[in-house]
Structure formats: structure tokens, C-alpha cells
């Protein structure tokens, strides 16, 4: 009996204490991602510690101990059908997953998958692993490998690899990944070989004394008689003499063409300024010639920059005499002006047009007080804040006001726009004065069977009587209205409204008149009907029809 009882006794399950338990459930940040990480760690922990062999109640208690006090409060708020479900680890995990992830939005998950491109720091294996993880939530089912293959072809960075993939007639996922790996590896190896080859090419074959600049002494130069004693035609004078600047006939002479020193005018065309870094100068050039060339390198700069201090912080601006605004990128503005939410910006109703004709809408504008560290003078001007990685720009008006550049107007044949506009207004005086009048008369067909209507007069407030009288007299003077003193069958009700500008707007009640008019029925042309007629048009203009109906003369 004793042996039989020992045989039926349960075998104890030993949990290895050296295995670390999963961490707490982080409720901050992306809760869905944090839960998925915790669930994977919990599954591995149960397998490694043999916890799956234990009772579900023990597993549930262990899980609730691991997730932390904050997640335990969430557990207390979850709904269970009965108390036994709270002890079932499978049901508890299901309730937590429903709370943390919720219902999966398949459309959004696929949108995230389709928008995922390979980043700069990712290799092909990392990129494929991320695509596999995203594809599992998209429910592609049997098409999962094909969708991952298509996303790799469209999302990889290297166009050469993409070209090879498109040339494959029967491209599957395995073949696609193998091609990307091979191309990535060969590119890395080729880059290493090119760097080694470049280092070998830069290494000098023989030691030269002219690799130094200011440290080179006369004694060191004389150690190389081949370079200093040879007689050949020189670059600055065109004559033969020993290789020493003091023996050159052009030394100390002034060129008649460019007014520079130490060369003749006959050799001036050979001394064009070399742009670029000093390391591009020929190694055979002597120390003396090297110093003369330094003076002319980058003598004419393509772009001008100036450092301006804004609230104690230095910003490098590009001086652009063709810009009409001062531009500051968003990121730099937030740093120097301490305005992370752009709350200090004013609304900027403008559209910026770049040099390449692209348009940019600014985030706002603000007037800043700045200081020029060169002369310690302070200035106040308006800047426009824009998005994007652009250079800070100072416009023409500001850099002229700060005396950074000057405009020699005596050398500019500019058009006097003010006098030109004045001459045009004098030539076409009838167009710019008065309301204007269109040719012809506007004829309205009246239905004689309609009975005339005489509406009662509306009362006008006392404060609006004088402005209303003034507006009626003005319209009468310009010929829009005509006074009627005889009895008439039709009387319309007048309504006077004051505009935001303070002027008067006159309206009438048109309902009785509309019933008496015979309407003309015609089809309004659409844009599709008009565009074929404008196929050969080259000149367009915009015409503002302000008060255009008042320019029509109506017949009786």
C-alpha cells in the first residue's frame, strides 16, 4: 500500500530561479506595441521555467505579479463572466489583449505597410524583418510573400538594385532577398576597395619639400637643386631664369590688365583665380607660387553670408539681393526665439515664390531685434518663418539698410514705373475716371399680363438718412439713377445697408419684378467647352468686374 501511494503522488515542478521574470507592462507610449513585447516575453518565460505544467490559477497569479501595480488596476476593471475566468490565464491574456490592442484596423495596417520604405541605417535583412512583422497584421494570407516582395522592390534605397529586380522574369521573395543581399555586400566591398585605392593614389612617390607651407625654410628648399636651379619659361613673366622669385623680372611689377602684382599683362590670362580647396593645386608648384595663388583663391564668391545675432544666438544668413523678404527656417526660429509652439508668430497672408517657380506658404511672420556683431549696431526688421531645410535669407531691403551692399543707381538704366503709370492714365483718362459705361442698352422683356405692384416705403433710421441721401445724389450724378417725379405703376421697396467700410449699399426687393420679367433660357458654357477655344492663346489677363451691372444702360 505504501509503494502504491508513492507511485500516485504528483511530481513536483521546479522553477529555475535564475530565469528573469518579464518586466512590467508599460502603459505609456504605444500601448499596443508594449503589450505585444510583454506577451512574447511571457510566452518564452513560461516555456523556459516549465510554468505551463502548473495549474492555471498559479500561472495567472504569476502573470499578475509580473505586470506591475498599474496594470493590476486595469485587471480589476476588466469584465469577466464569473470568478473562475479571473483565474484562467488564457481568458486573462485574451482580455488584456482586447484592452491594449482593441480591434485591428486592417485598412490602416495596410496603409502603414505600403508606406514603409527602407531607411538609411537599415540593411536588407532588417528591412525584410520589419516588413514581415507589418504584414502579419494586414491579413494578406496566401499573398503575404508576394506583397512583401513588391514592397521590397518599391521601398529599397538603391536604384541599381531595383533595376536588377525588375529585370528578373520570375521573381519570388527568396530570389528578391538574395539579390538585395548580394548587391548590398558587393557595394560595401567596392566602397572599401575604392577607399584603399584612393589612399594609395594620394601617397607621394618621392618626398617633396613643398608639402609644407609656412614651415618650409630657404635651407630646405635649396636641398632640391632640380626644382630650384632649372631654367625654364616661367608662369609670371614668360622668360627663362633660375627658380627664385627675386630673380623673376615680374616680381614687384603691376599688371596693366588686372592691376594685380607680381606678373606681366602677357601672362595675365594664365592666372585666372582657381576656385576650390587648396589641396587641388598642382604638387609641382613652389612655395612662392603657392603663396601668390592663395590670394586669388575664391576671390569672387558665389554666395555671400553674414552672421547676425538674434537674442544672443548667432545665425548665419545668406545675403540675397533678389529676395524681397527675410526668411528663417522653422527649426532655427524655434531654437533662437524660444518659441516651440510658434505662438508668437503673426498670420502672414502671402505666398513665397522660389527661384525655381515653386510656391511656399509661410507659417507666419514676426518682427525681431537683431545685432550685427561686426559693428555692434542693432536693427529691427520683419522675418518670415517657413518649413523645410532652407538657408536663412536676408532680403534686398534689409541688407541695403544694414549697409552690407550698396546699389549704384547711376549705373542702372531702370524704368521709372511711377511716370510710366502716370502717362498711361493720362492717355486713357476715360477708363480710369468715373464708373464707366458699356456700349448698347440692356433690354428686359416684360410680361404685360402681370399686374404692377406698389410696395410700401421702408423706414430709414435717422443716423442713415444723410449718408443715404449722399449716395442717391452720387448715383444720380454718375448716371446710374434718374429721379422720377410723375406717378408710376411700379414702386420697389428700398433697403439701405452700411458696409464694413462705412459706405452705403442700396438694395431693393426684387420679388415682384422677377415675376414680371420674361427669362431667357440658354445653356451656360462649362470649362470643357471653353478650353478648346483657348488652345492657341498665349496672353491672359484678370479683370475685376466691380459694380459692372451699374455700367449697363437699361432701355425703357
Foldseek 3Di string as FASTA:
>chain_A
DVVVVVVPDDDDQFFDPVDDQAAAQDPPDQNLVSLVVRVVRLVVNCVNRVVVVDDLQVSLVSVLVHHDDVVVVVLVVFDDPDPVLSSGPVSSSVRVNCVRPNDQDLVVLVVVLLPDADDPPDALVVSLVVSLVSLVSNPPVPCSFVSSLVSHLVRYDDVVLNVVQVPDPDDTNVNSSVSSVVVVVVVVVVVVVVVVVVVVVPDDPDDDQAVDAVVRDPVNVVVDCVLFADWDQDLFERHTDGRDLVPRPQAQPAEPPPRDGRHYVVNPVVLQQDEDDLVPDDPSDHNVVSVVNVVRYPPDPPWDWAWKQFQNDTAIATEDAPDPAWEDEPVVCCVRVVCVPCPQFAADPDWDADPVRDIFHFPGKDKTWIARVVVRDIDIDMHTYGYDDDGGYDYNVVCVVVVVDDDPCVPDPDDPVVVVVVVVCVVPVVVVDADAADPDADEWDFAPVQQADADDEDDDDPVCPVLVVVVVVVCVVRPLDDDDDDDDRHHWYWDWDADPVRHIDIDTDCPSVVVGTDDDDDDDDDPVVCVVVCPPPDDDDDDDCDVVVSNHHHDD
